[in-house]
Amino acid sequence: HPAQCVKTFEVDHPDTQRWKLEKLRSAGVRLRDDLHHVAGDFERDSLAERLVAGGFDTREPAFFSWLGVSYYLSRDSVLDIFRYVSRLPSPSQLVFDFIMDDSELADAERKAMQAITEYVKRHGEPWLCRFGPTDLQQTLRDMGFSKTFYFSHVLATRRYFEGRSDGLFLDFTTQMMSAIV
């Protein structure tokens, strides 16, 4: 979006961000001038403080793509991020993925989810936070988001993979949500 002067802030854990930046430098990748790397730990640091220190303007609407993160954090940390974004100017938006709560799953899915959960836990990446989509949408609205959209694995598969000859699809663990201030 060069004509729109869009600033991009990439927030990641300090260790992971350092590793990624070293890999990019060693590969000779030139980073854009409007790309700001903000190191922060979502469990320990204030996202608001880290972003402002990195040059983020809280007076402007923002779009947050928060994929592959929420389920690795405590519920309190996830809700803190939601609250932060909900206080930004309209029409700020948050798009994120989440893991479905067991109460929302059929028996076979629940058993599969238990196996997946144990697998990721054994490999040092436990899933700590899960939601049901209806309760999640209500939580987001209660925080001040004006619109929410639940983009289920079924809708995503239909939109992006329908008609493929290789049978590729998204399984039930892939759930996404959009929330607009």
N, C-alpha and C. Protein backbone atom coordinates (compact mmCIF):
# COMPACT_ATOMS: atom_id res chain seq x y z
N HIS A 1 0.81 -1.19 0.00
CA HIS A 1 0.00 0.00 0.00
C HIS A 1 0.85 1.26 0.00
N PRO A 2 1.82 1.37 -0.89
CA PRO A 2 2.71 2.53 -0.84
C PRO A 2 2.00 3.86 -1.02
N ALA A 3 0.95 3.90 -1.82
CA ALA A 3 0.25 5.17 -2.04
C ALA A 3 -0.52 5.60 -0.81
N GLN A 4 -0.85 4.67 0.06
CA GLN A 4 -1.62 4.97 1.25
C GLN A 4 -0.74 5.20 2.48
N CYS A 5 0.56 5.05 2.34
CA CYS A 5 1.49 5.24 3.45
C CYS A 5 1.11 4.37 4.65
N VAL A 6 0.91 3.11 4.42
CA VAL A 6 0.53 2.19 5.49
C VAL A 6 1.79 1.76 6.24
N LYS A 7 1.77 1.94 7.55
CA LYS A 7 2.86 1.46 8.39
C LYS A 7 2.50 0.05 8.85
N THR A 8 3.50 -0.80 8.88
CA THR A 8 3.29 -2.17 9.33
C THR A 8 4.13 -2.42 10.57
N PHE A 9 3.49 -3.01 11.59
CA PHE A 9 4.17 -3.35 12.83
C PHE A 9 4.09 -4.86 13.00
N GLU A 10 5.25 -5.49 13.03
CA GLU A 10 5.32 -6.92 13.23
C GLU A 10 5.75 -7.14 14.67
N VAL A 11 4.85 -7.75 15.46
CA VAL A 11 5.12 -7.98 16.88
C VAL A 11 5.36 -9.46 17.09
N ASP A 12 6.45 -9.78 17.77
CA ASP A 12 6.73 -11.17 18.07
C ASP A 12 7.59 -11.25 19.33
N HIS A 13 7.66 -12.45 19.86
CA HIS A 13 8.50 -12.69 21.04
C HIS A 13 9.93 -12.26 20.70
N PRO A 14 10.63 -11.64 21.65
CA PRO A 14 11.99 -11.13 21.35
C PRO A 14 12.93 -12.19 20.77
N ASP A 15 12.92 -13.40 21.31
CA ASP A 15 13.81 -14.45 20.81
C ASP A 15 13.45 -14.84 19.37
N THR A 16 12.16 -15.02 19.13
CA THR A 16 11.70 -15.40 17.79
C THR A 16 11.97 -14.29 16.79
N GLN A 17 11.72 -13.06 17.21
CA GLN A 17 11.95 -11.94 16.30
C GLN A 17 13.43 -11.78 15.96
N ARG A 18 14.27 -11.92 16.94
CA ARG A 18 15.72 -11.84 16.70
C ARG A 18 16.14 -12.92 15.69
N TRP A 19 15.66 -14.14 15.87
CA TRP A 19 15.99 -15.25 14.98
C TRP A 19 15.52 -14.95 13.55
N LYS A 20 14.27 -14.48 13.41
CA LYS A 20 13.73 -14.18 12.08
C LYS A 20 14.54 -13.08 11.40
N LEU A 21 14.86 -12.02 12.13
CA LEU A 21 15.61 -10.91 11.54
C LEU A 21 17.01 -11.35 11.12
N GLU A 22 17.64 -12.21 11.92
CA GLU A 22 18.95 -12.74 11.52
C GLU A 22 18.85 -13.54 10.24
N LYS A 23 17.82 -14.36 10.12
CA LYS A 23 17.62 -15.16 8.91
C LYS A 23 17.39 -14.27 7.68
N LEU A 24 16.59 -13.23 7.84
CA LEU A 24 16.33 -12.30 6.73
C LEU A 24 17.61 -11.59 6.32
N ARG A 25 18.38 -11.12 7.30
CA ARG A 25 19.64 -10.43 6.98
C ARG A 25 20.61 -11.36 6.27
N SER A 26 20.73 -12.58 6.79
CA SER A 26 21.68 -13.52 6.19
C SER A 26 21.26 -13.93 4.78
N ALA A 27 19.96 -13.83 4.49
CA ALA A 27 19.47 -14.15 3.15
C ALA A 27 19.52 -12.94 2.22
N GLY A 28 19.96 -11.79 2.77
CA GLY A 28 20.07 -10.60 1.96
C GLY A 28 18.75 -9.91 1.66
N VAL A 29 17.74 -10.18 2.48
CA VAL A 29 16.43 -9.57 2.28
C VAL A 29 16.46 -8.14 2.84
N ARG A 30 16.11 -7.20 1.99
CA ARG A 30 16.04 -5.79 2.42
C ARG A 30 14.66 -5.55 3.01
N LEU A 31 14.63 -4.99 4.22
CA LEU A 31 13.36 -4.73 4.89
C LEU A 31 12.83 -3.36 4.49
N ARG A 32 11.53 -3.26 4.35
CA ARG A 32 10.88 -2.00 4.00
C ARG A 32 11.09 -0.97 5.10
N ASP A 33 11.17 0.29 4.72
CA ASP A 33 11.34 1.37 5.69
C ASP A 33 10.12 1.56 6.57
N ASP A 34 8.94 1.21 6.05
CA ASP A 34 7.71 1.39 6.84
C ASP A 34 7.32 0.15 7.63
N LEU A 35 8.25 -0.80 7.75
CA LEU A 35 8.03 -2.02 8.53
C LEU A 35 8.74 -1.88 9.87
N HIS A 36 7.97 -1.92 10.94
CA HIS A 36 8.52 -1.76 12.29
C HIS A 36 8.45 -3.09 13.03
N HIS A 37 9.58 -3.54 13.51
CA HIS A 37 9.64 -4.78 14.28
C HIS A 37 9.59 -4.43 15.76
N VAL A 38 8.59 -4.96 16.43
CA VAL A 38 8.36 -4.68 17.84
C VAL A 38 8.50 -5.99 18.61
N ALA A 39 9.49 -6.04 19.48
CA ALA A 39 9.69 -7.23 20.29
C ALA A 39 8.83 -7.13 21.54
N GLY A 40 8.09 -8.18 21.81
CA GLY A 40 7.26 -8.19 23.01
C GLY A 40 6.75 -9.59 23.31
N ASP A 41 6.56 -9.85 24.56
CA ASP A 41 6.02 -11.12 25.03
C ASP A 41 4.57 -10.86 25.44
N PHE A 42 3.62 -11.42 24.71
CA PHE A 42 2.21 -11.17 24.96
C PHE A 42 1.77 -11.56 26.37
N GLU A 43 2.50 -12.45 27.01
CA GLU A 43 2.16 -12.87 28.38
C GLU A 43 2.70 -11.91 29.43
N ARG A 44 3.79 -11.23 29.13
CA ARG A 44 4.46 -10.42 30.15
C ARG A 44 4.46 -8.92 29.87
N ASP A 45 4.41 -8.54 28.60
CA ASP A 45 4.52 -7.14 28.22
C ASP A 45 3.16 -6.57 27.85
N SER A 46 3.03 -5.28 27.99
CA SER A 46 1.84 -4.57 27.54
C SER A 46 1.99 -4.32 26.04
N LEU A 47 1.05 -4.85 25.25
CA LEU A 47 1.09 -4.62 23.81
C LEU A 47 1.00 -3.13 23.53
N ALA A 48 0.15 -2.43 24.26
CA ALA A 48 -0.01 -0.99 24.06
C ALA A 48 1.33 -0.27 24.24
N GLU A 49 2.03 -0.56 25.32
CA GLU A 49 3.32 0.10 25.58
C GLU A 49 4.36 -0.27 24.53
N ARG A 50 4.42 -1.54 24.16
CA ARG A 50 5.41 -1.98 23.18
C ARG A 50 5.15 -1.33 21.82
N LEU A 51 3.88 -1.28 21.40
CA LEU A 51 3.57 -0.68 20.10
C LEU A 51 3.88 0.82 20.08
N VAL A 52 3.46 1.54 21.12
CA VAL A 52 3.72 2.97 21.17
C VAL A 52 5.23 3.23 21.16
N ALA A 53 5.99 2.44 21.91
CA ALA A 53 7.44 2.60 21.92
C ALA A 53 8.03 2.35 20.53
N GLY A 54 7.35 1.52 19.73
CA GLY A 54 7.80 1.22 18.37
C GLY A 54 7.31 2.20 17.32
N GLY A 55 6.55 3.24 17.76
CA GLY A 55 6.09 4.25 16.82
C GLY A 55 4.64 4.16 16.39
N PHE A 56 3.88 3.28 17.00
CA PHE A 56 2.47 3.10 16.66
C PHE A 56 1.65 4.30 17.14
N ASP A 57 0.75 4.79 16.29
CA ASP A 57 -0.10 5.93 16.62
C ASP A 57 -1.49 5.44 17.02
N THR A 58 -1.80 5.53 18.29
CA THR A 58 -3.08 5.03 18.80
C THR A 58 -4.27 5.90 18.39
N ARG A 59 -4.02 7.03 17.74
CA ARG A 59 -5.11 7.91 17.29
C ARG A 59 -5.64 7.51 15.92
N GLU A 60 -4.94 6.59 15.25
CA GLU A 60 -5.34 6.16 13.91
C GLU A 60 -5.94 4.75 13.96
N PRO A 61 -6.96 4.48 13.14
CA PRO A 61 -7.49 3.11 13.06
C PRO A 61 -6.39 2.15 12.60
N ALA A 62 -6.50 0.91 13.03
CA ALA A 62 -5.47 -0.08 12.70
C ALA A 62 -6.12 -1.42 12.37
N PHE A 63 -5.40 -2.20 11.60
CA PHE A 63 -5.82 -3.57 11.28
C PHE A 63 -4.81 -4.51 11.92
N PHE A 64 -5.30 -5.49 12.70
CA PHE A 64 -4.46 -6.47 13.36
C PHE A 64 -4.72 -7.85 12.77
N SER A 65 -3.69 -8.45 12.23
CA SER A 65 -3.73 -9.85 11.80
C SER A 65 -2.98 -10.62 12.87
N TRP A 66 -3.72 -11.41 13.62
CA TRP A 66 -3.16 -12.10 14.80
C TRP A 66 -3.40 -13.59 14.64
N LEU A 67 -2.66 -14.19 13.72
CA LEU A 67 -2.86 -15.60 13.38
C LEU A 67 -1.77 -16.46 14.03
N GLY A 68 -2.18 -17.62 14.51
CA GLY A 68 -1.23 -18.57 15.09
C GLY A 68 -0.72 -18.15 16.45
N VAL A 69 -1.49 -17.38 17.21
CA VAL A 69 -1.00 -16.87 18.48
C VAL A 69 -1.94 -17.18 19.65
N SER A 70 -3.23 -16.91 19.51
CA SER A 70 -4.14 -16.87 20.66
C SER A 70 -4.14 -18.16 21.48
N TYR A 71 -4.03 -19.30 20.85
CA TYR A 71 -4.15 -20.56 21.58
C TYR A 71 -2.91 -20.90 22.39
N TYR A 72 -1.81 -20.21 22.14
CA TYR A 72 -0.58 -20.45 22.90
C TYR A 72 -0.48 -19.56 24.14
N LEU A 73 -1.47 -18.69 24.33
CA LEU A 73 -1.45 -17.74 25.44
C LEU A 73 -2.51 -18.09 26.47
N SER A 74 -2.34 -17.54 27.66
CA SER A 74 -3.38 -17.69 28.68
C SER A 74 -4.62 -16.91 28.25
N ARG A 75 -5.76 -17.32 28.75
CA ARG A 75 -7.02 -16.65 28.42
C ARG A 75 -6.95 -15.16 28.80
N ASP A 76 -6.37 -14.86 29.98
CA ASP A 76 -6.27 -13.46 30.41
C ASP A 76 -5.47 -12.62 29.42
N SER A 77 -4.38 -13.16 28.92
CA SER A 77 -3.56 -12.42 27.94
C SER A 77 -4.30 -12.19 26.64
N VAL A 78 -5.05 -13.19 26.19
CA VAL A 78 -5.83 -13.05 24.96
C VAL A 78 -6.90 -11.97 25.15
N LEU A 79 -7.60 -12.03 26.28
CA LEU A 79 -8.64 -11.03 26.55
C LEU A 79 -8.05 -9.63 26.67
N ASP A 80 -6.83 -9.51 27.20
CA ASP A 80 -6.16 -8.21 27.27
C ASP A 80 -5.92 -7.63 25.88
N ILE A 81 -5.53 -8.48 24.94
CA ILE A 81 -5.31 -8.03 23.56
C ILE A 81 -6.63 -7.57 22.95
N PHE A 82 -7.69 -8.35 23.16
CA PHE A 82 -9.01 -7.96 22.65
C PHE A 82 -9.41 -6.59 23.21
N ARG A 83 -9.24 -6.40 24.52
CA ARG A 83 -9.61 -5.12 25.15
C ARG A 83 -8.81 -3.97 24.56
N TYR A 84 -7.52 -4.21 24.35
CA TYR A 84 -6.67 -3.16 23.78
C TYR A 84 -7.18 -2.73 22.41
N VAL A 85 -7.40 -3.68 21.52
CA VAL A 85 -7.85 -3.36 20.17
C VAL A 85 -9.23 -2.70 20.21
N SER A 86 -10.08 -3.15 21.12
CA SER A 86 -11.44 -2.60 21.18
C SER A 86 -11.46 -1.12 21.55
N ARG A 87 -10.39 -0.62 22.15
CA ARG A 87 -10.31 0.79 22.55
C ARG A 87 -9.69 1.69 21.47
N LEU A 88 -9.26 1.10 20.37
CA LEU A 88 -8.68 1.89 19.29
C LEU A 88 -9.79 2.52 18.46
N PRO A 89 -9.47 3.55 17.67
CA PRO A 89 -10.50 4.24 16.89
C PRO A 89 -11.17 3.33 15.86
N SER A 90 -12.45 3.59 15.64
CA SER A 90 -13.20 2.89 14.62
C SER A 90 -12.68 3.33 13.25
N PRO A 91 -12.59 2.45 12.30
CA PRO A 91 -13.00 1.07 12.23
C PRO A 91 -11.83 0.08 12.42
N SER A 92 -11.07 0.21 13.49
CA SER A 92 -9.98 -0.75 13.75
C SER A 92 -10.55 -2.17 13.72
N GLN A 93 -9.72 -3.10 13.27
CA GLN A 93 -10.19 -4.48 13.09
C GLN A 93 -9.13 -5.46 13.55
N LEU A 94 -9.61 -6.55 14.12
CA LEU A 94 -8.76 -7.66 14.56
C LEU A 94 -9.24 -8.92 13.87
N VAL A 95 -8.33 -9.61 13.19
CA VAL A 95 -8.62 -10.92 12.60
C VAL A 95 -7.67 -11.90 13.27
N PHE A 96 -8.22 -12.99 13.80
CA PHE A 96 -7.40 -13.96 14.52
C PHE A 96 -7.98 -15.36 14.36
N ASP A 97 -7.14 -16.33 14.63
CA ASP A 97 -7.64 -17.70 14.64
C ASP A 97 -7.68 -18.19 16.07
N PHE A 98 -8.46 -19.23 16.28
CA PHE A 98 -8.62 -19.78 17.63
C PHE A 98 -8.91 -21.26 17.55
N ILE A 99 -8.70 -21.92 18.67
CA ILE A 99 -8.99 -23.34 18.78
C ILE A 99 -10.35 -23.50 19.44
N MET A 100 -11.16 -24.38 18.87
CA MET A 100 -12.52 -24.61 19.33
C MET A 100 -12.53 -25.31 20.69
N ASP A 101 -13.37 -24.82 21.56
CA ASP A 101 -13.57 -25.43 22.87
C ASP A 101 -14.19 -26.82 22.71
N ASP A 102 -13.81 -27.74 23.59
CA ASP A 102 -14.32 -29.12 23.52
C ASP A 102 -15.84 -29.18 23.53
N SER A 103 -16.48 -28.26 24.25
CA SER A 103 -17.94 -28.29 24.36
C SER A 103 -18.63 -28.08 23.01
N GLU A 104 -17.90 -27.58 22.03
CA GLU A 104 -18.45 -27.30 20.70
C GLU A 104 -18.19 -28.44 19.71
N LEU A 105 -17.49 -29.47 20.14
CA LEU A 105 -17.05 -30.52 19.22
C LEU A 105 -17.87 -31.78 19.34
N ALA A 106 -18.01 -32.49 18.24
CA ALA A 106 -18.61 -33.82 18.24
C ALA A 106 -17.64 -34.79 18.90
N ASP A 107 -18.11 -35.96 19.29
CA ASP A 107 -17.26 -36.93 20.00
C ASP A 107 -15.97 -37.26 19.26
N ALA A 108 -16.08 -37.54 17.96
CA ALA A 108 -14.89 -37.90 17.18
C ALA A 108 -13.91 -36.72 17.12
N GLU A 109 -14.44 -35.51 16.96
CA GLU A 109 -13.57 -34.33 16.92
C GLU A 109 -12.92 -34.09 18.28
N ARG A 110 -13.68 -34.31 19.35
CA ARG A 110 -13.14 -34.13 20.70
C ARG A 110 -11.98 -35.10 20.95
N LYS A 111 -12.13 -36.34 20.52
CA LYS A 111 -11.05 -37.32 20.69
C LYS A 111 -9.83 -36.94 19.86
N ALA A 112 -10.07 -36.50 18.64
CA ALA A 112 -8.96 -36.06 17.79
C ALA A 112 -8.29 -34.83 18.40
N MET A 113 -9.07 -33.91 18.93
CA MET A 113 -8.52 -32.71 19.54
C MET A 113 -7.67 -33.06 20.76
N GLN A 114 -8.10 -34.04 21.55
CA GLN A 114 -7.31 -34.46 22.71
C GLN A 114 -5.95 -35.00 22.26
N ALA A 115 -5.94 -35.77 21.18
CA ALA A 115 -4.67 -36.31 20.67
C ALA A 115 -3.77 -35.18 20.16
N ILE A 116 -4.34 -34.23 19.44
CA ILE A 116 -3.56 -33.11 18.93
C ILE A 116 -3.02 -32.27 20.08
N THR A 117 -3.87 -32.03 21.08
CA THR A 117 -3.48 -31.23 22.24
C THR A 117 -2.32 -31.88 22.98
N GLU A 118 -2.37 -33.17 23.15
CA GLU A 118 -1.27 -33.88 23.80
C GLU A 118 0.01 -33.82 22.97
N TYR A 119 -0.13 -33.94 21.67
CA TYR A 119 1.02 -33.87 20.78
C TYR A 119 1.73 -32.53 20.89
N VAL A 120 0.99 -31.43 20.78
CA VAL A 120 1.63 -30.11 20.83
C VAL A 120 2.20 -29.83 22.22
N LYS A 121 1.57 -30.36 23.24
CA LYS A 121 2.07 -30.20 24.61
C LYS A 121 3.42 -30.93 24.77
N ARG A 122 3.49 -32.15 24.25
CA ARG A 122 4.74 -32.93 24.33
C ARG A 122 5.89 -32.22 23.60
N HIS A 123 5.56 -31.45 22.60
CA HIS A 123 6.57 -30.76 21.80
C HIS A 123 6.81 -29.32 22.28
N GLY A 124 6.35 -29.02 23.50
CA GLY A 124 6.66 -27.75 24.13
C GLY A 124 5.83 -26.56 23.71
N GLU A 125 4.72 -26.79 23.00
CA GLU A 125 3.86 -25.70 22.55
C GLU A 125 2.40 -25.98 22.95
N PRO A 126 2.13 -26.02 24.25
CA PRO A 126 0.76 -26.37 24.68
C PRO A 126 -0.26 -25.32 24.29
N TRP A 127 -1.47 -25.79 23.97
CA TRP A 127 -2.59 -24.90 23.69
C TRP A 127 -3.22 -24.54 25.02
N LEU A 128 -3.23 -23.28 25.35
CA LEU A 128 -3.69 -22.83 26.66
C LEU A 128 -5.07 -22.20 26.65
N CYS A 129 -5.54 -21.76 25.50
CA CYS A 129 -6.78 -20.99 25.45
C CYS A 129 -7.64 -21.47 24.29
N ARG A 130 -8.90 -21.75 24.60
CA ARG A 130 -9.84 -22.20 23.57
C ARG A 130 -11.17 -21.49 23.79
N PHE A 131 -11.94 -21.37 22.71
CA PHE A 131 -13.21 -20.66 22.77
C PHE A 131 -14.29 -21.40 22.00
N GLY A 132 -15.53 -21.14 22.36
CA GLY A 132 -16.67 -21.46 21.52
C GLY A 132 -17.02 -20.20 20.74
N PRO A 133 -17.38 -20.32 19.47
CA PRO A 133 -17.58 -19.12 18.64
C PRO A 133 -18.70 -18.20 19.12
N THR A 134 -19.80 -18.73 19.60
CA THR A 134 -20.91 -17.89 20.05
C THR A 134 -20.51 -17.09 21.28
N ASP A 135 -19.92 -17.76 22.26
CA ASP A 135 -19.46 -17.07 23.47
C ASP A 135 -18.37 -16.05 23.13
N LEU A 136 -17.50 -16.41 22.21
CA LEU A 136 -16.42 -15.51 21.81
C LEU A 136 -16.99 -14.25 21.16
N GLN A 137 -17.95 -14.41 20.27
CA GLN A 137 -18.57 -13.24 19.65
C GLN A 137 -19.22 -12.34 20.68
N GLN A 138 -19.89 -12.93 21.67
CA GLN A 138 -20.53 -12.13 22.71
C GLN A 138 -19.49 -11.40 23.55
N THR A 139 -18.40 -12.08 23.87
CA THR A 139 -17.31 -11.45 24.63
C THR A 139 -16.76 -10.24 23.87
N LEU A 140 -16.55 -10.40 22.58
CA LEU A 140 -16.03 -9.31 21.76
C LEU A 140 -17.01 -8.14 21.70
N ARG A 141 -18.29 -8.43 21.55
CA ARG A 141 -19.30 -7.35 21.52
C ARG A 141 -19.36 -6.65 22.88
N ASP A 142 -19.28 -7.42 23.96
CA ASP A 142 -19.31 -6.83 25.30
C ASP A 142 -18.11 -5.91 25.53
N MET A 143 -17.01 -6.16 24.85
CA MET A 143 -15.82 -5.33 24.97
C MET A 143 -15.91 -4.06 24.13
N GLY A 144 -16.89 -3.99 23.25
CA GLY A 144 -17.06 -2.78 22.46
C GLY A 144 -16.89 -2.93 20.97
N PHE A 145 -16.64 -4.14 20.49
CA PHE A 145 -16.57 -4.33 19.05
C PHE A 145 -17.98 -4.24 18.48
N SER A 146 -18.14 -3.53 17.37
CA SER A 146 -19.47 -3.32 16.80
C SER A 146 -19.92 -4.48 15.91
N LYS A 147 -18.97 -5.15 15.29
CA LYS A 147 -19.29 -6.26 14.38
C LYS A 147 -18.32 -7.39 14.61
N THR A 148 -18.83 -8.60 14.51
CA THR A 148 -17.97 -9.78 14.54
C THR A 148 -18.40 -10.70 13.40
N PHE A 149 -17.45 -11.47 12.90
CA PHE A 149 -17.76 -12.44 11.87
C PHE A 149 -16.97 -13.71 12.18
N TYR A 150 -17.69 -14.80 12.36
CA TYR A 150 -17.09 -16.11 12.62
C TYR A 150 -16.85 -16.79 11.28
N PHE A 151 -15.58 -16.98 10.94
CA PHE A 151 -15.19 -17.60 9.68
C PHE A 151 -14.74 -19.03 9.98
N SER A 152 -15.71 -19.93 10.02
CA SER A 152 -15.45 -21.32 10.41
C SER A 152 -14.59 -22.05 9.37
N HIS A 153 -14.11 -23.22 9.76
CA HIS A 153 -13.34 -24.04 8.83
C HIS A 153 -14.19 -24.46 7.64
N VAL A 154 -15.48 -24.61 7.85
CA VAL A 154 -16.38 -24.99 6.76
C VAL A 154 -16.48 -23.85 5.74
N LEU A 155 -16.69 -22.62 6.23
CA LEU A 155 -16.77 -21.47 5.33
C LEU A 155 -15.43 -21.23 4.61
N ALA A 156 -14.34 -21.35 5.35
CA ALA A 156 -13.01 -21.13 4.74
C ALA A 156 -12.73 -22.18 3.68
N THR A 157 -13.07 -23.43 3.95
CA THR A 157 -12.86 -24.50 2.96
C THR A 157 -13.70 -24.22 1.73
N ARG A 158 -14.95 -23.84 1.94
CA ARG A 158 -15.84 -23.56 0.81
C ARG A 158 -15.28 -22.39 -0.02
N ARG A 159 -14.82 -21.34 0.65
CA ARG A 159 -14.36 -20.15 -0.07
C ARG A 159 -13.03 -20.39 -0.80
N TYR A 160 -12.10 -21.08 -0.15
CA TYR A 160 -10.74 -21.15 -0.70
C TYR A 160 -10.37 -22.48 -1.35
N PHE A 161 -11.10 -23.55 -1.05
CA PHE A 161 -10.68 -24.85 -1.54
C PHE A 161 -11.74 -25.62 -2.33
N GLU A 162 -12.93 -25.07 -2.44
CA GLU A 162 -13.99 -25.75 -3.16
C GLU A 162 -13.60 -26.00 -4.61
N GLY A 163 -13.85 -27.19 -5.07
CA GLY A 163 -13.58 -27.53 -6.46
C GLY A 163 -12.15 -27.99 -6.74
N ARG A 164 -11.32 -28.04 -5.72
CA ARG A 164 -9.94 -28.49 -5.94
C ARG A 164 -9.92 -29.98 -6.25
N SER A 165 -9.08 -30.39 -7.13
CA SER A 165 -9.01 -31.80 -7.49
C SER A 165 -8.18 -32.61 -6.49
N ASP A 166 -7.38 -31.92 -5.66
CA ASP A 166 -6.53 -32.65 -4.71
C ASP A 166 -7.22 -32.91 -3.36
N GLY A 167 -8.43 -32.39 -3.18
CA GLY A 167 -9.18 -32.65 -1.95
C GLY A 167 -8.71 -31.85 -0.74
N LEU A 168 -7.86 -30.87 -0.93
CA LEU A 168 -7.35 -30.07 0.19
C LEU A 168 -8.51 -29.34 0.89
N PHE A 169 -8.49 -29.34 2.22
CA PHE A 169 -9.52 -28.67 3.01
C PHE A 169 -8.91 -28.28 4.35
N LEU A 170 -9.63 -27.44 5.08
CA LEU A 170 -9.21 -27.08 6.44
C LEU A 170 -9.95 -27.97 7.41
N ASP A 171 -9.24 -28.50 8.40
CA ASP A 171 -9.92 -29.35 9.36
C ASP A 171 -10.56 -28.51 10.46
N PHE A 172 -11.26 -29.16 11.35
CA PHE A 172 -12.06 -28.48 12.37
C PHE A 172 -11.24 -27.66 13.36
N THR A 173 -9.93 -27.86 13.40
CA THR A 173 -9.13 -27.08 14.34
C THR A 173 -8.93 -25.64 13.87
N THR A 174 -9.17 -25.38 12.59
CA THR A 174 -8.95 -24.05 12.03
C THR A 174 -10.23 -23.22 12.09
N GLN A 175 -10.27 -22.28 13.03
CA GLN A 175 -11.41 -21.39 13.19
C GLN A 175 -10.87 -19.96 13.19
N MET A 176 -11.59 -19.07 12.56
CA MET A 176 -11.15 -17.67 12.52
C MET A 176 -12.28 -16.74 12.90
N MET A 177 -11.90 -15.57 13.37
CA MET A 177 -12.87 -14.56 13.78
C MET A 177 -12.37 -13.19 13.35
N SER A 178 -13.29 -12.35 12.98
CA SER A 178 -13.01 -10.95 12.69
C SER A 178 -13.84 -10.11 13.64
N ALA A 179 -13.25 -9.05 14.17
CA ALA A 179 -13.97 -8.14 15.06
C ALA A 179 -13.60 -6.71 14.68
N ILE A 180 -14.61 -5.88 14.47
CA ILE A 180 -14.42 -4.50 14.05
C ILE A 180 -14.92 -3.56 15.16
N VAL A 181 -14.10 -2.57 15.46
CA VAL A 181 -14.48 -1.59 16.49
C VAL A 181 -15.60 -0.72 15.96
